[in-house]
C-alpha atoms as a PDB file:
ATOM      1  CA  LEU A   1      -0.417  11.333   1.048  1.00  0.00           C
ATOM      2  CA  PRO A   2       0.047   8.819   3.901  1.00  0.00           C
ATOM      3  CA  THR A   3       2.968   6.465   3.602  1.00  0.00           C
ATOM      4  CA  PHE A   4       4.106   3.314   5.442  1.00  0.00           C
ATOM      5  CA  ILE A   5       6.372   5.581   7.541  1.00  0.00           C
ATOM      6  CA  ASP A   6       3.457   7.840   8.480  1.00  0.00           C
ATOM      7  CA  VAL A   7       1.361   4.802   9.401  1.00  0.00           C
ATOM      8  CA  GLY A   8       4.211   3.151  11.193  1.00  0.00           C
ATOM      9  CA  ASN A   9       4.372   6.069  13.587  1.00  0.00           C
ATOM     10  CA  SER A  10       0.810   5.359  14.708  1.00  0.00           C
ATOM     11  CA  PHE A  11       0.047   2.328  16.884  1.00  0.00           C
ATOM     12  CA  GLY A  12      -3.630   2.275  15.893  1.00  0.00           C
ATOM     13  CA  ALA A  13      -2.968   2.470  12.199  1.00  0.00           C
ATOM     14  CA  PRO A  14      -6.104   3.169  10.102  1.00  0.00           C
ATOM     15  CA  ALA A  15      -6.797   1.292   6.912  1.00  0.00           C
ATOM     16  CA  ILE A  16      -5.228   2.835   3.851  1.00  0.00           C
ATOM     17  CA  VAL A  17      -7.984   4.044   1.518  1.00  0.00           C
ATOM     18  CA  GLU A  18      -5.810   5.819  -1.147  1.00  0.00           C
ATOM     19  CA  ASP A  19      -5.039   3.852  -4.281  1.00  0.00           C
ATOM     20  CA  ASN A  20      -2.069   1.584  -3.834  1.00  0.00           C
ATOM     21  CA  ILE A  21      -0.591  -1.739  -5.032  1.00  0.00           C
ATOM     22  CA  MET A  22      -2.653  -3.790  -2.589  1.00  0.00           C
ATOM     23  CA  HIS A  23      -5.905  -2.186  -3.815  1.00  0.00           C
ATOM     24  CA  GLN A  24      -4.889  -2.771  -7.452  1.00  0.00           C
ATOM     25  CA  LEU A  25      -3.976  -6.453  -6.766  1.00  0.00           C
ATOM     26  CA  VAL A  26      -7.449  -7.110  -5.308  1.00  0.00           C
ATOM     27  CA  LYS A  27      -9.206  -5.039  -8.002  1.00  0.00           C
ATOM     28  CA  SER A  28      -7.464  -7.160 -10.681  1.00  0.00           C
ATOM     29  CA  GLY A  29      -8.662 -10.404  -9.021  1.00  0.00           C
ATOM     30  CA  LYS A  30      -5.275 -11.457  -7.561  1.00  0.00           C
ATOM     31  CA  ARG A  31      -5.349 -13.724  -4.543  1.00  0.00           C
ATOM     32  CA  VAL A  32      -3.067 -12.333  -1.847  1.00  0.00           C
ATOM     33  CA  VAL A  33      -1.746 -14.250   1.061  1.00  0.00           C
ATOM     34  CA  MET A  34       0.055 -12.443   3.892  1.00  0.00           C
ATOM     35  CA  MET A  35       2.038 -13.773   6.869  1.00  0.00           C
ATOM     36  CA  GLY A  36       3.946 -11.879   9.479  1.00  0.00           C
ATOM     37  CA  ASP A  37       3.648  -8.319  10.869  1.00  0.00           C
ATOM     38  CA  ASP A  38       0.027  -7.794  11.927  1.00  0.00           C
ATOM     39  CA  THR A  39       0.165  -4.132  10.882  1.00  0.00           C
ATOM     40  CA  TRP A  40      -0.727  -5.352   7.350  1.00  0.00           C
ATOM     41  CA  ILE A  41      -4.161  -6.364   8.637  1.00  0.00           C
ATOM     42  CA  GLN A  42      -4.773  -2.965  10.122  1.00  0.00           C
ATOM     43  CA  LEU A  43      -3.639  -1.264   6.914  1.00  0.00           C
ATOM     44  CA  TYR A  44      -5.411  -3.563   4.498  1.00  0.00           C
ATOM     45  CA  PRO A  45      -8.266  -5.312   6.473  1.00  0.00           C
ATOM     46  CA  GLU A  46     -10.159  -6.569   3.376  1.00  0.00           C
ATOM     47  CA  HIS A  47      -7.314  -7.362   0.952  1.00  0.00           C
ATOM     48  CA  PHE A  48      -6.173 -10.858   1.866  1.00  0.00           C
ATOM     49  CA  ASN A  49      -7.620 -14.205   0.862  1.00  0.00           C
ATOM     50  CA  LYS A  50      -5.690 -15.774   3.680  1.00  0.00           C
ATOM     51  CA  SER A  51      -3.526 -14.250   6.441  1.00  0.00           C
ATOM     52  CA  PHE A  52      -1.346 -15.348   9.308  1.00  0.00           C
ATOM     53  CA  PRO A  53      -0.754 -12.165  11.386  1.00  0.00           C
ATOM     54  CA  TYR A  54       1.518 -12.047  14.346  1.00  0.00           C
ATOM     55  CA  PRO A  55       1.792  -9.318  17.016  1.00  0.00           C
ATOM     56  CA  SER A  56       4.575  -6.940  16.034  1.00  0.00           C
ATOM     57  CA  PHE A  57       4.844  -4.076  18.560  1.00  0.00           C
ATOM     58  CA  ASN A  58       7.033  -5.805  21.165  1.00  0.00           C
ATOM     59  CA  VAL A  59      10.398  -4.727  19.757  1.00  0.00           C
ATOM     60  CA  LYS A  60      12.260  -6.901  22.257  1.00  0.00           C
ATOM     61  CA  ASP A  61      10.682 -10.018  20.604  1.00  0.00           C
ATOM     62  CA  LEU A  62      12.875 -11.037  17.727  1.00  0.00           C
ATOM     63  CA  ASP A  63      11.301 -14.372  17.076  1.00  0.00           C
ATOM     64  CA  THR A  64       7.481 -14.592  17.307  1.00  0.00           C
ATOM     65  CA  VAL A  65       6.692 -13.006  13.944  1.00  0.00           C
ATOM     66  CA  ASP A  66       9.600 -14.644  12.201  1.00  0.00           C
ATOM     67  CA  ASN A  67       8.770 -18.080  13.515  1.00  0.00           C
ATOM     68  CA  GLY A  68       5.108 -17.640  12.433  1.00  0.00           C
ATOM     69  CA  VAL A  69       6.302 -16.709   8.906  1.00  0.00           C
ATOM     70  CA  ILE A  70       8.585 -19.687   8.848  1.00  0.00           C
ATOM     71  CA  ASP A  71       5.791 -22.059   9.930  1.00  0.00           C
ATOM     72  CA  HIS A  72       3.526 -20.891   7.023  1.00  0.00           C
ATOM     73  CA  LEU A  73       5.993 -19.896   4.277  1.00  0.00           C
ATOM     74  CA  LEU A  74       7.264 -23.183   2.971  1.00  0.00           C
ATOM     75  CA  PRO A  75       3.951 -24.995   3.056  1.00  0.00           C
ATOM     76  CA  SER A  76       2.291 -21.956   1.385  1.00  0.00           C
ATOM     77  CA  LEU A  77       4.847 -22.042  -1.463  1.00  0.00           C
ATOM     78  CA  HIS A  78       3.526 -25.502  -2.444  1.00  0.00           C
ATOM     79  CA  GLU A  79      -0.170 -24.376  -2.333  1.00  0.00           C
ATOM     80  CA  ASN A  80      -2.011 -23.126  -5.406  1.00  0.00           C
ATOM     81  CA  ASP A  81      -4.345 -20.669  -3.625  1.00  0.00           C
ATOM     82  CA  TRP A  82      -2.348 -17.400  -4.122  1.00  0.00           C
ATOM     83  CA  ASP A  83      -1.033 -15.129  -6.745  1.00  0.00           C
ATOM     84  CA  VAL A  84       0.916 -12.829  -4.420  1.00  0.00           C
ATOM     85  CA  LEU A  85       2.489 -13.965  -1.205  1.00  0.00           C
ATOM     86  CA  ILE A  86       3.743 -11.481   1.395  1.00  0.00           C
ATOM     87  CA  ALA A  87       6.112 -12.902   4.009  1.00  0.00           C
ATOM     88  CA  HIS A  88       6.938 -10.000   6.342  1.00  0.00           C
ATOM     89  CA  PHE A  89       9.763 -11.025   8.674  1.00  0.00           C
ATOM     90  CA  LEU A  90      10.393  -8.566  11.500  1.00  0.00           C
ATOM     91  CA  GLY A  91      13.157  -9.854  13.737  1.00  0.00           C
ATOM     92  CA  VAL A  92      15.965  -8.168  11.845  1.00  0.00           C
ATOM     93  CA  ASP A  93      14.189  -4.745  12.181  1.00  0.00           C
ATOM     94  CA  HIS A  94      13.647  -5.238  15.895  1.00  0.00           C
ATOM     95  CA  ALA A  95      17.295  -6.468  16.299  1.00  0.00           C
ATOM     96  CA  GLY A  96      18.571  -3.364  14.581  1.00  0.00           C
ATOM     97  CA  HIS A  97      16.475  -0.970  16.724  1.00  0.00           C
ATOM     98  CA  ILE A  98      17.270  -2.689  19.984  1.00  0.00           C
ATOM     99  CA  PHE A  99      20.795  -4.125  19.597  1.00  0.00           C
ATOM    100  CA  GLY A 100      22.271  -2.251  16.566  1.00  0.00           C
ATOM    101  CA  VAL A 101      23.332  -3.408  13.158  1.00  0.00           C
ATOM    102  CA  ASP A 102      26.638  -4.897  14.235  1.00  0.00           C
ATOM    103  CA  SER A 103      25.156  -6.918  17.102  1.00  0.00           C
ATOM    104  CA  THR A 104      25.144 -10.660  17.716  1.00  0.00           C
ATOM    105  CA  PRO A 105      21.287 -10.817  17.509  1.00  0.00           C
ATOM    106  CA  MET A 106      21.351  -8.964  14.153  1.00  0.00           C
ATOM    107  CA  ILE A 107      23.942 -11.407  12.764  1.00  0.00           C
ATOM    108  CA  GLN A 108      21.860 -14.336  14.054  1.00  0.00           C
ATOM    109  CA  LYS A 109      18.671 -13.045  12.386  1.00  0.00           C
ATOM    110  CA  LEU A 110      20.503 -12.405   9.031  1.00  0.00           C
ATOM    111  CA  GLU A 111      21.952 -15.984   9.233  1.00  0.00           C
ATOM    112  CA  GLN A 112      18.485 -17.370   9.927  1.00  0.00           C
ATOM    113  CA  TYR A 113      17.096 -15.536   6.862  1.00  0.00           C
ATOM    114  CA  ASN A 114      19.938 -16.841   4.739  1.00  0.00           C
ATOM    115  CA  GLN A 115      19.114 -20.404   5.741  1.00  0.00           C
ATOM    116  CA  ILE A 116      15.504 -19.881   4.770  1.00  0.00           C
ATOM    117  CA  LEU A 117      16.442 -18.547   1.417  1.00  0.00           C
ATOM    118  CA  GLU A 118      18.644 -21.483   0.738  1.00  0.00           C
ATOM    119  CA  VAL A 119      15.796 -23.993   1.308  1.00  0.00           C
END
């Protein structure tokens, strides 16, 4: 069975057709909002009531996806148009791959996420 890791190894990720949690959410009538990594749109092209995808394959870019999520997350939390909200931050993953887990960019991304969680 394909997994996120399998799909992540492919830049032209095909939609996932096997049964999965996203399929079950839609099947049960849940309204799903997604913001962040645009890979979600490739994997689940028909599953979101609303989406805010941002390009994710430039691993040197630590901020575009995260800033997009930040722009939409807090306003979305106050809206009543979703049952499940996916906010996929990506900067910490890119920081880890490019700079390492003990790097200044990694620490900065983790501090940024902590500030968002405190809001």
